[in-house]
């Protein structure tokens, strides 16, 4: 049920399919590292990935994928948990964008203030010359 809500695919569409059905949004290097970790090294992978819902919308998840090792030490599959972090990442990006805008505005204001100080100095010099 959670996977249906997250991906938009119903159970019948997902059964027998790999996560490639909704994944495949990351670059080749990402998947190389991912499979190296869970398949070759047989370690837990944890990271943020982008996926595509059935509707076509891109979303971000914090994913944890673990290899399943059978008693005979054979790799028998994988189990994964994903948490939708799309909104959290958007909010964080908005914060970064707003801070960048504020920094630029601050830079402009400091420059304006410095120009005002210089203009006041020039006006005072001109006033003293007239006296």
Protein backbone atom coordinates (compact mmCIF):
# COMPACT_ATOMS: atom_id res chain seq x y z
CA UNK A 1 0.00 0.00 0.00
CA UNK A 2 2.79 2.45 0.86
CA UNK A 3 4.56 1.71 -2.44
CA UNK A 4 1.29 2.33 -4.30
CA UNK A 5 0.85 5.68 -2.60
CA UNK A 6 4.46 6.68 -3.26
CA UNK A 7 4.79 5.53 -6.88
CA UNK A 8 1.23 5.66 -8.19
CA UNK A 9 1.48 2.07 -9.48
CA UNK A 10 -0.95 -0.51 -8.10
CA UNK A 11 0.21 -3.87 -6.77
CA UNK A 12 -0.69 -5.73 -9.97
CA UNK A 13 1.56 -3.39 -11.98
CA UNK A 14 4.45 -3.83 -9.54
CA UNK A 15 4.38 -7.60 -8.98
CA UNK A 16 7.26 -9.24 -10.80
CA UNK A 17 8.77 -5.90 -11.79
CA UNK A 18 11.96 -4.30 -10.55
CA UNK A 19 12.08 -0.78 -9.11
CA UNK A 20 13.23 0.23 -12.61
CA UNK A 21 9.49 0.65 -13.24
CA UNK A 22 9.61 3.91 -11.26
CA UNK A 23 13.38 4.43 -10.94
CA UNK A 24 16.03 5.00 -13.58
CA UNK A 25 16.30 8.72 -12.90
CA UNK A 26 19.85 8.74 -11.56
CA UNK A 27 23.07 8.80 -13.60
CA UNK A 28 25.03 5.68 -14.51
CA UNK A 29 27.70 6.33 -11.85
CA UNK A 30 25.04 6.36 -9.13
CA UNK A 31 23.72 2.93 -10.13
CA UNK A 32 27.27 1.57 -10.45
CA UNK A 33 27.98 2.64 -6.84
CA UNK A 34 24.56 1.40 -5.69
CA UNK A 35 24.97 -2.12 -7.14
CA UNK A 36 28.61 -2.29 -6.02
CA UNK A 37 27.45 -1.62 -2.46
CA UNK A 38 24.44 -3.96 -2.21
CA UNK A 39 25.36 -6.73 -4.62
CA UNK A 40 29.15 -7.00 -4.71
CA UNK A 41 30.06 -5.75 -1.22
CA UNK A 42 26.78 -7.03 0.25
CA UNK A 43 26.43 -3.93 2.38
CA UNK A 44 23.49 -1.67 3.14
CA UNK A 45 23.05 1.27 0.79
CA UNK A 46 21.54 4.49 2.11
CA UNK A 47 21.11 7.64 0.06
CA UNK A 48 18.79 10.03 -1.73
CA UNK A 49 17.48 9.10 -5.16
CA UNK A 50 15.07 10.54 -7.66
CA UNK A 51 12.22 8.42 -9.00
CA UNK A 52 9.30 8.94 -11.37
CA UNK A 53 5.69 8.37 -10.37
CA UNK A 54 3.27 6.71 -12.77
CA UNK A 55 1.92 10.22 -13.42
CA UNK A 56 5.37 11.26 -14.64
CA UNK A 57 6.14 13.48 -11.63
CA UNK A 58 9.70 13.26 -10.31
CA UNK A 59 10.07 12.80 -6.56
CA UNK A 60 12.97 12.30 -4.14
CA UNK A 61 13.33 9.53 -1.60
CA UNK A 62 15.71 8.72 1.18
CA UNK A 63 16.27 5.04 0.41
CA UNK A 64 17.84 2.24 2.41
CA UNK A 65 18.42 -1.03 0.55
CA UNK A 66 19.83 -4.16 2.19
CA UNK A 67 20.97 -7.38 0.56
CA UNK A 68 19.28 -10.57 1.75
CA UNK A 69 21.86 -13.30 2.33
CA UNK A 70 20.60 -16.89 2.58
CA UNK A 71 21.98 -19.45 5.05
CA UNK A 72 24.20 -20.87 2.29
CA UNK A 73 25.73 -17.37 1.94
CA UNK A 74 24.02 -16.86 -1.43
CA UNK A 75 22.54 -13.47 -2.27
CA UNK A 76 18.81 -14.17 -2.48
CA UNK A 77 17.41 -10.67 -3.00
CA UNK A 78 17.11 -7.19 -1.58
CA UNK A 79 14.79 -5.36 0.75
CA UNK A 80 14.37 -1.63 0.61
CA UNK A 81 12.62 1.17 2.43
CA UNK A 82 11.98 4.57 0.91
CA UNK A 83 10.79 7.80 2.52
CA UNK A 84 9.48 10.59 0.31
CA UNK A 85 11.68 13.64 1.00
CA UNK A 86 10.53 15.72 -1.98
CA UNK A 87 8.92 18.47 0.06
CA UNK A 88 11.78 18.59 2.57
CA UNK A 89 14.31 18.96 -0.26
CA UNK A 90 12.18 21.67 -1.90
CA UNK A 91 11.96 23.61 1.37
CA UNK A 92 15.74 23.31 1.86
CA UNK A 93 16.39 24.45 -1.71
CA UNK A 94 14.04 27.41 -1.20
CA UNK A 95 16.03 28.34 1.92
CA UNK A 96 19.30 28.18 -0.03
CA UNK A 97 17.81 30.26 -2.86
CA UNK A 98 16.45 32.85 -0.44
CA UNK A 99 19.76 33.11 1.40
CA UNK A 100 21.52 33.68 -1.93
CA UNK A 101 19.03 36.45 -2.78
CA UNK A 102 19.52 38.04 0.64
CA UNK A 103 23.30 37.87 0.29
CA UNK A 104 23.08 39.60 -3.11
CA UNK A 105 20.71 42.22 -1.72
CA UNK A 106 23.05 42.79 1.24
CA UNK A 107 25.97 43.19 -1.16
CA UNK A 108 24.02 45.78 -3.14
CA UNK A 109 23.01 47.64 0.02
CA UNK A 110 26.57 47.71 1.35
CA UNK A 111 27.74 49.03 -2.00
CA UNK A 112 25.02 51.69 -1.91
CA UNK A 113 26.00 52.71 1.62
CA UNK A 114 29.65 53.01 0.62
CA UNK A 115 28.67 55.22 -2.32
CA UNK A 116 26.55 57.38 0.00
CA UNK A 117 29.47 57.81 2.40
CA UNK A 118 31.72 58.80 -0.50
CA UNK A 119 29.14 61.26 -1.84
CA UNK A 120 28.77 62.85 1.60
CA UNK A 121 32.54 63.26 1.78
CA UNK A 122 32.57 64.92 -1.64
CA UNK A 123 29.70 67.23 -0.67
CA UNK A 124 31.52 68.24 2.53
CA UNK A 125 34.70 68.92 0.54
CA UNK A 126 32.75 71.10 -1.93
CA UNK A 127 31.04 72.98 0.90
CA UNK A 128 34.38 73.69 2.58
CA UNK A 129 35.84 74.96 -0.72
CA UNK A 130 32.96 77.45 -1.07
CA UNK A 131 33.56 78.89 2.41
